[in-house]
N, C-alpha and C. Protein backbone atom coordinates (compact mmCIF):
# COMPACT_ATOMS: atom_id res chain seq x y z
N MET A 1 -0.72 -8.55 11.50
CA MET A 1 -1.02 -9.18 12.82
C MET A 1 0.81 -9.26 13.06
N ALA A 2 1.30 -9.13 14.60
CA ALA A 2 2.62 -8.50 14.77
C ALA A 2 2.73 -9.87 14.81
N LYS A 3 3.41 -11.00 14.72
CA LYS A 3 3.77 -12.01 15.71
C LYS A 3 4.13 -12.22 16.92
N ARG A 4 3.81 -13.66 17.52
CA ARG A 4 4.40 -13.73 19.54
C ARG A 4 5.47 -13.71 19.00
N ALA A 5 6.09 -12.53 20.77
CA ALA A 5 7.42 -12.98 20.81
C ALA A 5 7.49 -13.38 22.60
N TYR A 6 8.43 -14.14 22.55
CA TYR A 6 8.46 -14.42 24.33
C TYR A 6 9.22 -14.03 24.48
N SER A 7 9.50 -13.46 25.97
CA SER A 7 9.95 -13.35 27.88
C SER A 7 10.83 -14.25 27.88
N PRO A 8 12.17 -14.35 28.19
CA PRO A 8 12.82 -15.08 28.51
C PRO A 8 12.67 -16.02 29.71
N LYS A 9 11.37 -15.87 30.46
CA LYS A 9 11.14 -16.15 31.26
C LYS A 9 10.11 -17.46 31.15
N GLU A 10 9.46 -16.85 30.11
CA GLU A 10 8.88 -18.11 29.18
C GLU A 10 9.20 -19.14 28.36
N VAL A 11 10.51 -18.79 27.78
CA VAL A 11 11.45 -19.17 26.92
C VAL A 11 12.07 -20.56 28.28
N LEU A 12 12.90 -19.73 29.32
CA LEU A 12 12.91 -21.13 30.37
C LEU A 12 11.78 -21.81 30.79
N ALA A 13 10.88 -21.90 30.91
CA ALA A 13 9.92 -22.22 31.26
C ALA A 13 8.96 -23.92 30.71
N LYS A 14 9.27 -23.27 28.99
CA LYS A 14 9.09 -24.15 28.29
C LYS A 14 9.97 -25.95 28.30
N THR A 15 9.28 -27.00 28.46
CA THR A 15 9.77 -28.37 28.64
C THR A 15 10.17 -29.31 27.77
N TYR A 16 10.74 -30.04 27.18
CA TYR A 16 11.10 -30.47 25.99
C TYR A 16 11.69 -32.29 26.44
N LYS A 17 10.88 -32.81 25.40
CA LYS A 17 11.78 -34.80 25.79
C LYS A 17 13.11 -34.87 25.16
N THR A 18 13.65 -35.27 25.80
CA THR A 18 15.36 -35.62 25.44
C THR A 18 15.24 -36.62 24.94
N LEU A 19 16.78 -37.06 24.23
CA LEU A 19 17.28 -38.63 24.48
C LEU A 19 18.02 -38.23 25.94
N PRO A 20 17.30 -39.60 26.43
CA PRO A 20 18.57 -40.26 27.63
C PRO A 20 20.06 -40.34 27.87
N TRP A 21 20.53 -40.22 26.94
CA TRP A 21 21.62 -41.02 26.25
C TRP A 21 22.84 -40.64 27.35
N GLY A 22 23.36 -42.16 27.50
CA GLY A 22 24.89 -41.41 29.27
C GLY A 22 25.84 -40.65 28.63
N GLU A 23 26.86 -40.65 28.80
CA GLU A 23 28.10 -40.08 28.75
C GLU A 23 28.77 -39.50 27.54
N LYS A 24 28.59 -40.94 26.76
CA LYS A 24 29.56 -40.87 25.88
C LYS A 24 29.10 -39.91 24.22
N TRP A 25 27.95 -39.83 24.89
CA TRP A 25 26.90 -39.11 23.88
C TRP A 25 26.41 -37.70 24.11
N SER A 26 26.00 -37.32 25.64
CA SER A 26 26.02 -36.27 26.13
C SER A 26 27.10 -35.58 26.39
N GLN A 27 28.58 -35.40 26.31
CA GLN A 27 29.50 -35.02 26.69
C GLN A 27 29.56 -34.13 25.32
N PRO A 28 29.82 -34.86 24.73
CA PRO A 28 29.82 -33.92 22.64
C PRO A 28 28.48 -32.99 22.65
N PHE A 29 27.62 -33.65 22.92
CA PHE A 29 26.59 -33.11 21.87
C PHE A 29 24.90 -32.55 23.16
N GLY A 30 25.10 -32.76 24.62
CA GLY A 30 24.79 -32.51 25.11
C GLY A 30 23.11 -33.85 25.88
N TYR A 31 22.07 -33.12 25.56
CA TYR A 31 21.10 -34.03 25.09
C TYR A 31 19.94 -33.06 24.44
N PRO A 32 19.76 -33.82 22.90
CA PRO A 32 19.23 -33.31 22.43
C PRO A 32 17.54 -33.25 22.21
N THR A 33 16.84 -32.49 21.51
CA THR A 33 15.36 -33.50 21.85
C THR A 33 15.27 -34.66 20.95
N THR A 34 13.92 -34.78 21.64
CA THR A 34 13.66 -36.37 20.26
C THR A 34 13.03 -36.13 19.34
N ASN A 35 12.92 -34.94 18.59
CA ASN A 35 12.58 -34.86 17.34
C ASN A 35 13.48 -33.38 16.26
N GLU A 36 14.63 -33.60 16.49
CA GLU A 36 15.41 -32.95 15.93
C GLU A 36 15.72 -33.10 14.02
N ALA A 37 15.93 -31.97 13.86
CA ALA A 37 16.75 -32.39 12.87
C ALA A 37 18.24 -31.69 12.62
N TRP A 38 19.28 -33.03 12.29
CA TRP A 38 20.06 -32.78 12.63
C TRP A 38 21.24 -32.52 10.88
N PHE A 39 22.29 -31.98 10.68
CA PHE A 39 22.87 -32.04 9.55
C PHE A 39 24.68 -32.46 9.64
N ILE A 40 24.93 -33.18 9.32
CA ILE A 40 26.26 -33.82 9.51
C ILE A 40 27.21 -33.96 8.14
N SER A 41 28.56 -33.14 8.16
CA SER A 41 29.08 -33.28 7.00
C SER A 41 30.99 -32.85 7.32
N GLY A 42 31.20 -33.32 6.47
CA GLY A 42 32.88 -33.75 6.68
C GLY A 42 33.19 -34.25 5.40
N ALA A 43 35.06 -33.85 5.74
CA ALA A 43 34.97 -34.63 4.13
C ALA A 43 35.48 -35.87 3.83
N SER A 44 35.67 -36.10 2.76
CA SER A 44 35.26 -37.86 2.51
C SER A 44 36.63 -38.34 2.85
N ALA A 45 36.00 -39.79 3.85
CA ALA A 45 37.22 -40.19 4.76
C ALA A 45 37.19 -39.65 5.88
N SER A 46 36.50 -38.96 6.07
CA SER A 46 36.69 -38.47 7.65
C SER A 46 35.81 -38.89 9.13
N GLY A 47 35.58 -40.38 8.34
CA GLY A 47 34.89 -40.86 9.37
C GLY A 47 33.24 -41.04 10.37
N LYS A 48 32.63 -40.04 8.45
CA LYS A 48 31.70 -39.80 8.91
C LYS A 48 30.59 -40.72 8.67
N SER A 49 31.14 -41.91 8.06
CA SER A 49 29.86 -42.91 8.01
C SER A 49 30.38 -43.76 9.16
N SER A 50 31.27 -43.97 9.81
CA SER A 50 31.26 -44.70 11.08
C SER A 50 30.85 -43.98 12.40
N PHE A 51 30.89 -42.78 12.25
CA PHE A 51 30.08 -42.01 13.08
C PHE A 51 28.52 -42.51 13.52
N VAL A 52 28.38 -41.73 12.13
CA VAL A 52 26.73 -41.72 11.77
C VAL A 52 26.53 -43.41 12.04
N MET A 53 26.77 -44.17 11.94
CA MET A 53 26.71 -46.09 12.11
C MET A 53 26.56 -46.38 13.57
N GLN A 54 27.26 -45.57 14.21
CA GLN A 54 27.41 -45.65 15.79
C GLN A 54 26.27 -44.86 16.20
N LEU A 55 26.08 -43.97 15.70
CA LEU A 55 25.29 -42.78 16.08
C LEU A 55 23.36 -43.52 16.23
N ALA A 56 23.36 -44.35 14.64
CA ALA A 56 22.08 -45.21 14.53
C ALA A 56 22.04 -46.08 15.50
N LYS A 57 23.36 -46.97 15.67
CA LYS A 57 23.22 -47.89 17.06
C LYS A 57 22.30 -47.34 18.34
N GLU A 58 22.90 -46.25 18.28
CA GLU A 58 22.14 -45.73 19.98
C GLU A 58 21.24 -44.73 19.93
N LEU A 59 20.47 -44.42 18.71
CA LEU A 59 19.43 -44.27 18.30
C LEU A 59 18.67 -45.57 18.99
N CYS A 60 18.30 -46.28 18.24
CA CYS A 60 17.75 -47.70 18.62
C CYS A 60 17.56 -47.98 19.73
N ASN A 61 18.46 -47.28 20.42
CA ASN A 61 18.18 -47.91 21.93
C ASN A 61 16.80 -46.59 22.52
N TYR A 62 16.04 -45.53 21.68
CA TYR A 62 15.11 -44.98 22.04
C TYR A 62 14.08 -44.91 20.47
N GLY A 63 13.80 -45.69 19.96
CA GLY A 63 12.92 -45.98 18.55
C GLY A 63 13.20 -46.38 17.83
N MET A 64 12.47 -47.33 16.41
CA MET A 64 13.11 -47.50 15.08
C MET A 64 13.74 -46.31 14.02
N THR A 65 14.67 -47.09 13.69
CA THR A 65 15.63 -45.97 12.84
C THR A 65 15.75 -46.60 11.81
N LEU A 66 15.61 -45.71 10.45
CA LEU A 66 15.89 -46.13 9.58
C LEU A 66 16.50 -45.24 8.06
N TYR A 67 17.37 -45.79 8.20
CA TYR A 67 19.24 -45.63 7.28
C TYR A 67 18.54 -45.51 6.01
N LEU A 68 18.80 -44.52 5.35
CA LEU A 68 18.11 -44.75 3.52
C LEU A 68 20.02 -44.56 3.55
N SER A 69 20.35 -45.71 2.82
CA SER A 69 21.91 -45.62 2.03
C SER A 69 21.92 -45.66 0.80
N TYR A 70 21.65 -43.87 0.58
CA TYR A 70 21.43 -43.82 -1.16
C TYR A 70 22.61 -44.04 -1.72
N GLU A 71 23.97 -43.27 -1.08
CA GLU A 71 25.17 -43.38 -2.03
C GLU A 71 26.01 -44.69 -1.85
N GLU A 72 25.88 -45.32 -0.39
CA GLU A 72 26.42 -46.51 -0.68
C GLU A 72 25.62 -47.98 -1.47
N GLY A 73 24.48 -47.64 -0.93
CA GLY A 73 23.69 -49.29 -1.05
C GLY A 73 24.24 -49.73 -0.28
N VAL A 74 23.71 -51.36 0.15
CA VAL A 74 24.44 -52.15 0.79
C VAL A 74 25.41 -53.07 0.67
N SER A 75 26.64 -51.88 0.06
CA SER A 75 27.71 -52.11 -0.79
C SER A 75 28.90 -53.39 0.00
N GLN A 76 30.14 -54.01 -0.33
CA GLN A 76 31.02 -54.15 0.70
C GLN A 76 31.23 -53.40 2.05
N SER A 77 31.91 -52.27 1.82
CA SER A 77 32.30 -51.00 2.72
C SER A 77 30.58 -50.71 3.72
N PHE A 78 29.68 -50.61 3.11
CA PHE A 78 27.82 -50.78 4.60
C PHE A 78 28.36 -51.89 5.26
N LYS A 79 28.48 -53.09 4.84
CA LYS A 79 27.91 -54.45 4.87
C LYS A 79 28.81 -54.69 6.55
N GLU A 80 30.42 -54.15 6.01
CA GLU A 80 31.23 -54.19 7.18
C GLU A 80 31.11 -53.46 8.10
N ARG A 81 30.70 -52.09 7.50
CA ARG A 81 30.08 -51.12 8.98
C ARG A 81 28.86 -51.79 9.84
N ILE A 82 28.06 -52.39 9.05
CA ILE A 82 27.19 -52.61 10.15
C ILE A 82 27.90 -54.15 11.44
N ASP A 83 29.22 -55.43 10.42
CA ASP A 83 29.12 -55.65 11.10
C ASP A 83 30.00 -55.39 12.40
N ARG A 84 30.89 -54.60 11.94
CA ARG A 84 32.37 -53.48 12.71
C ARG A 84 31.00 -53.18 13.76
N PHE A 85 30.59 -52.46 13.60
CA PHE A 85 29.46 -51.98 14.63
C PHE A 85 27.83 -52.90 15.73
N LYS A 86 28.22 -53.90 14.62
CA LYS A 86 27.62 -54.61 15.81
C LYS A 86 25.96 -54.11 15.80
N MET A 87 25.32 -54.19 14.73
CA MET A 87 24.43 -53.58 14.46
C MET A 87 23.30 -55.06 14.47
N ALA A 88 23.69 -55.78 14.30
CA ALA A 88 22.38 -57.19 14.89
C ALA A 88 22.48 -57.26 15.80
N GLU A 89 22.89 -56.32 17.22
CA GLU A 89 22.57 -56.27 18.45
C GLU A 89 21.15 -55.70 17.95
N VAL A 90 20.41 -54.96 17.31
CA VAL A 90 19.44 -54.01 17.13
C VAL A 90 18.94 -54.25 15.91
N GLN A 91 18.29 -55.87 15.24
CA GLN A 91 17.87 -55.84 14.38
C GLN A 91 16.33 -55.66 13.95
N GLY A 92 16.14 -55.84 15.61
CA GLY A 92 14.31 -55.18 15.22
C GLY A 92 14.70 -53.42 15.16
N ARG A 93 15.05 -53.01 15.30
CA ARG A 93 15.10 -51.57 15.84
C ARG A 93 15.92 -50.20 14.73
N PHE A 94 16.07 -51.26 13.60
CA PHE A 94 17.37 -50.84 12.81
C PHE A 94 16.90 -51.46 11.20
N ARG A 95 16.44 -50.64 10.24
CA ARG A 95 16.00 -51.38 8.93
C ARG A 95 17.05 -50.18 7.97
N VAL A 96 17.28 -50.78 6.77
CA VAL A 96 18.20 -49.49 5.39
C VAL A 96 17.10 -49.99 5.09
N ALA A 97 16.72 -48.98 3.90
CA ALA A 97 16.10 -48.46 2.96
C ALA A 97 17.34 -48.25 1.30
N THR A 98 17.34 -48.47 0.60
CA THR A 98 18.10 -48.29 -0.68
C THR A 98 17.68 -47.23 -1.88
N SER A 99 16.49 -47.30 -2.40
CA SER A 99 15.72 -46.74 -3.37
C SER A 99 14.30 -46.26 -3.16
N ASP A 100 14.46 -45.79 -1.66
CA ASP A 100 12.99 -44.76 -1.25
C ASP A 100 12.65 -43.40 -2.39
N THR A 101 11.92 -43.54 -2.92
CA THR A 101 11.98 -42.11 -3.58
C THR A 101 11.23 -41.06 -2.50
N TYR A 102 10.96 -40.23 -2.61
CA TYR A 102 10.61 -39.07 -1.30
C TYR A 102 9.62 -39.54 -1.57
N ASP A 103 8.15 -39.58 -2.41
CA ASP A 103 6.97 -39.35 -1.92
C ASP A 103 6.84 -41.42 -1.70
N GLU A 104 7.77 -42.62 -1.60
CA GLU A 104 7.94 -43.36 -1.07
C GLU A 104 8.31 -43.56 0.47
N LEU A 105 9.05 -42.54 1.11
CA LEU A 105 9.55 -42.39 2.20
C LEU A 105 8.59 -41.45 2.77
N VAL A 106 7.91 -40.85 2.37
CA VAL A 106 6.96 -40.19 2.61
C VAL A 106 5.68 -40.76 3.24
N GLU A 107 5.53 -42.10 2.23
CA GLU A 107 3.99 -42.57 2.42
C GLU A 107 4.45 -43.85 3.62
N ARG A 108 5.89 -44.38 3.61
CA ARG A 108 6.45 -44.99 4.74
C ARG A 108 6.89 -44.47 6.21
N LEU A 109 6.90 -42.78 6.25
CA LEU A 109 6.97 -42.61 7.71
C LEU A 109 5.14 -42.21 7.84
N ALA A 110 4.30 -42.09 7.11
CA ALA A 110 3.01 -41.91 7.34
C ALA A 110 2.60 -43.36 8.04
N LYS A 111 2.84 -44.49 8.05
CA LYS A 111 2.08 -45.34 8.67
C LYS A 111 2.16 -45.25 10.16
N PRO A 112 0.94 -46.31 11.25
CA PRO A 112 1.63 -46.79 12.69
C PRO A 112 2.69 -47.66 12.44
N LYS A 113 3.51 -46.85 13.61
CA LYS A 113 4.48 -47.97 13.75
C LYS A 113 6.14 -47.62 12.66
N SER A 114 5.86 -46.57 12.30
CA SER A 114 6.84 -46.26 11.39
C SER A 114 7.99 -45.78 12.06
N PRO A 115 9.52 -45.31 11.63
CA PRO A 115 10.60 -45.06 12.54
C PRO A 115 10.63 -44.06 12.46
N HIS A 116 11.51 -43.70 13.63
CA HIS A 116 11.50 -42.85 14.93
C HIS A 116 12.40 -41.57 13.96
N PHE A 117 13.24 -42.62 13.58
CA PHE A 117 14.91 -41.67 13.27
C PHE A 117 15.40 -41.46 11.72
N VAL A 118 15.28 -40.88 11.33
CA VAL A 118 15.72 -41.19 9.56
C VAL A 118 16.72 -40.83 8.79
N ILE A 119 17.98 -41.35 8.43
CA ILE A 119 19.27 -40.99 8.65
C ILE A 119 19.62 -41.07 7.00
N VAL A 120 19.11 -39.31 6.13
CA VAL A 120 19.76 -39.84 4.71
C VAL A 120 21.35 -39.52 4.81
N ASP A 121 21.54 -40.40 3.74
CA ASP A 121 23.20 -40.67 3.56
C ASP A 121 22.99 -41.16 2.00
N SER A 122 23.36 -39.51 1.07
CA SER A 122 23.57 -38.72 1.45
C SER A 122 22.18 -37.67 1.07
N PHE A 123 22.41 -36.74 1.45
CA PHE A 123 21.21 -35.46 1.02
C PHE A 123 21.35 -35.05 -0.19
N GLN A 124 22.92 -34.98 -0.84
CA GLN A 124 22.77 -35.07 -2.26
C GLN A 124 22.58 -36.27 -3.54
N VAL A 125 22.88 -36.78 -2.97
CA VAL A 125 22.66 -38.35 -3.88
C VAL A 125 21.08 -38.65 -3.81
N ALA A 126 20.15 -38.37 -2.07
CA ALA A 126 19.06 -38.35 -2.31
C ALA A 126 17.98 -37.32 -3.06
N GLY A 127 18.67 -36.32 -4.11
CA GLY A 127 18.11 -35.69 -4.88
C GLY A 127 17.10 -34.70 -4.19
N TRP A 128 16.46 -34.70 -3.03
CA TRP A 128 15.35 -33.44 -2.47
C TRP A 128 16.55 -32.35 -2.80
N THR A 129 15.40 -31.53 -2.85
CA THR A 129 15.29 -30.24 -2.65
C THR A 129 15.18 -29.56 -0.98
N TYR A 130 15.72 -28.62 -1.06
CA TYR A 130 15.47 -28.19 0.57
C TYR A 130 14.61 -28.47 0.98
N ASP A 131 13.06 -28.10 0.12
CA ASP A 131 11.53 -27.49 0.28
C ASP A 131 11.85 -28.57 0.68
N GLN A 132 11.84 -30.00 0.09
CA GLN A 132 11.03 -31.32 0.54
C GLN A 132 11.89 -31.45 2.25
N ALA A 133 12.90 -31.23 2.13
CA ALA A 133 13.77 -31.88 3.51
C ALA A 133 12.64 -31.14 4.25
N LYS A 134 12.70 -29.89 4.47
CA LYS A 134 11.91 -28.65 4.92
C LYS A 134 10.41 -29.60 5.45
N ASN A 135 9.79 -29.72 4.19
CA ASN A 135 8.21 -30.06 4.39
C ASN A 135 8.58 -31.68 5.02
N LEU A 136 9.38 -32.95 4.84
CA LEU A 136 9.01 -33.61 5.67
C LEU A 136 9.71 -33.46 7.56
N ILE A 137 10.36 -32.53 7.90
CA ILE A 137 10.59 -32.31 8.71
C ILE A 137 8.91 -31.59 9.52
N ASP A 138 8.67 -30.61 8.13
CA ASP A 138 7.13 -30.04 9.06
C ASP A 138 5.73 -31.21 9.46
N ARG A 139 6.33 -31.92 8.55
CA ARG A 139 4.92 -33.17 8.21
C ARG A 139 5.29 -34.35 8.94
N PHE A 140 6.72 -34.64 9.47
CA PHE A 140 6.52 -35.78 10.53
C PHE A 140 7.29 -34.42 11.78
N PRO A 141 6.69 -33.85 12.56
CA PRO A 141 7.15 -33.42 13.84
C PRO A 141 8.00 -34.45 14.48
N ALA A 142 7.11 -35.05 14.90
CA ALA A 142 7.52 -35.78 16.41
C ALA A 142 8.51 -36.73 16.06
N LYS A 143 9.33 -36.53 14.96
CA LYS A 143 10.62 -37.53 14.33
C LYS A 143 11.65 -36.52 14.40
N SER A 144 12.83 -37.53 14.05
CA SER A 144 14.43 -36.16 14.02
C SER A 144 14.94 -37.29 12.88
N PHE A 145 15.41 -36.18 11.88
CA PHE A 145 16.16 -36.52 10.64
C PHE A 145 17.90 -35.95 10.72
N ILE A 146 18.35 -37.21 10.42
CA ILE A 146 19.22 -36.81 10.36
C ILE A 146 19.89 -36.97 8.85
N PHE A 147 20.48 -35.63 8.60
CA PHE A 147 20.73 -36.04 6.53
C PHE A 147 22.59 -35.55 6.93
N ILE A 148 22.93 -36.31 6.38
CA ILE A 148 24.53 -36.86 6.35
C ILE A 148 24.99 -35.99 4.55
N SER A 149 25.74 -34.79 4.46
CA SER A 149 25.99 -34.31 3.39
C SER A 149 27.71 -34.52 2.77
N GLN A 150 27.49 -34.85 1.80
CA GLN A 150 29.13 -34.73 0.75
C GLN A 150 29.96 -33.24 0.80
N GLU A 151 30.94 -33.40 1.03
CA GLU A 151 32.13 -32.64 0.89
C GLU A 151 32.09 -32.29 -0.61
N HIS A 152 31.68 -30.84 -1.05
CA HIS A 152 32.34 -30.71 -2.84
C HIS A 152 34.50 -30.66 -2.43
N LYS A 153 35.03 -31.69 -3.29
CA LYS A 153 36.11 -31.58 -2.98
C LYS A 153 36.95 -30.07 -3.60
């Protein structure tokens, strides 16, 4: 049996819940839905970590944000970024985990009041397969996943 195909009118009639963020974020990124998967990649020392910390702070305005700091843990440079971007201001909506296994993350996300936004830094260090990442996205369709990727030199 053939899968359903949508007409342009049907596509245009669809509505989505989007992030209502201000111009600073909407100009470069538009208004993404509240349950998207992002993949952020860039060269080493290109500002990914600083960008992602600023993004995490903004996301805290819309829900609990979990930062899986697999690559850096809570190193000195990570601590400095927490301080530089004043993450203490979002204390109740921002959490950092450094060693959750895939199964522990699934268990954490299945709980009531679990984080809405999940930042994985980095996908390579997490050691997950593509299928595991896809399964997370499929299992938790109301959540947003932001995967940070290291670039090979």
